[in-house]
Amino acid sequence: MRRTALKRVKVTTSGAEQQVPAKRQNRGPGNSTGDGF
């Protein structure tokens, strides 16, 4: 159970971190003023 929980957390963190920069890059050139990133 502990291993599953750790794996789940790692997967979630990796997915979230990967999706955040991806959205930032897509929105950067398009909505650089709106995002401000």
Protein backbone atom coordinates (compact mmCIF):
# COMPACT_ATOMS: atom_id res chain seq x y z
CA MET A 1 0.00 0.00 0.00
CA ARG A 2 2.76 2.41 0.87
CA ARG A 3 4.54 1.74 -2.40
CA THR A 4 1.35 2.36 -4.34
CA ALA A 5 0.77 5.63 -2.52
CA LEU A 6 4.33 6.78 -3.18
CA LYS A 7 4.05 5.83 -6.85
CA ARG A 8 0.74 7.64 -7.12
CA VAL A 9 2.19 10.78 -5.58
CA LYS A 10 5.21 10.64 -7.88
CA VAL A 11 3.05 10.17 -10.96
CA THR A 12 0.71 12.96 -9.94
CA THR A 13 3.58 15.33 -9.19
CA SER A 14 5.35 14.52 -12.47
CA GLY A 15 2.14 14.91 -14.47
CA ALA A 16 1.21 18.16 -12.77
CA GLU A 17 4.70 19.60 -13.15
CA GLN A 18 4.86 18.53 -16.78
CA GLN A 19 1.43 19.97 -17.58
CA VAL A 20 2.17 23.29 -15.87
CA PRO A 21 5.20 24.20 -18.03
CA ALA A 22 3.47 22.89 -21.14
CA LYS A 23 0.50 25.20 -20.59
CA ARG A 24 2.85 28.06 -19.75
CA GLN A 25 4.77 27.57 -22.98
CA ASN A 26 1.57 27.37 -25.03
CA ARG A 27 0.06 30.41 -23.34
CA GLY A 28 3.35 32.31 -23.18
CA PRO A 29 3.57 33.43 -26.83
CA GLY A 30 -0.23 33.59 -27.21
CA ASN A 31 -1.26 35.34 -24.01
CA SER A 32 2.02 36.62 -22.61
CA THR A 33 0.26 39.66 -21.15
CA GLY A 34 -2.60 37.67 -19.58
CA ASP A 35 -0.37 35.02 -18.00
CA GLY A 36 2.52 37.30 -17.18
CA PHE A 37 4.83 34.30 -17.05
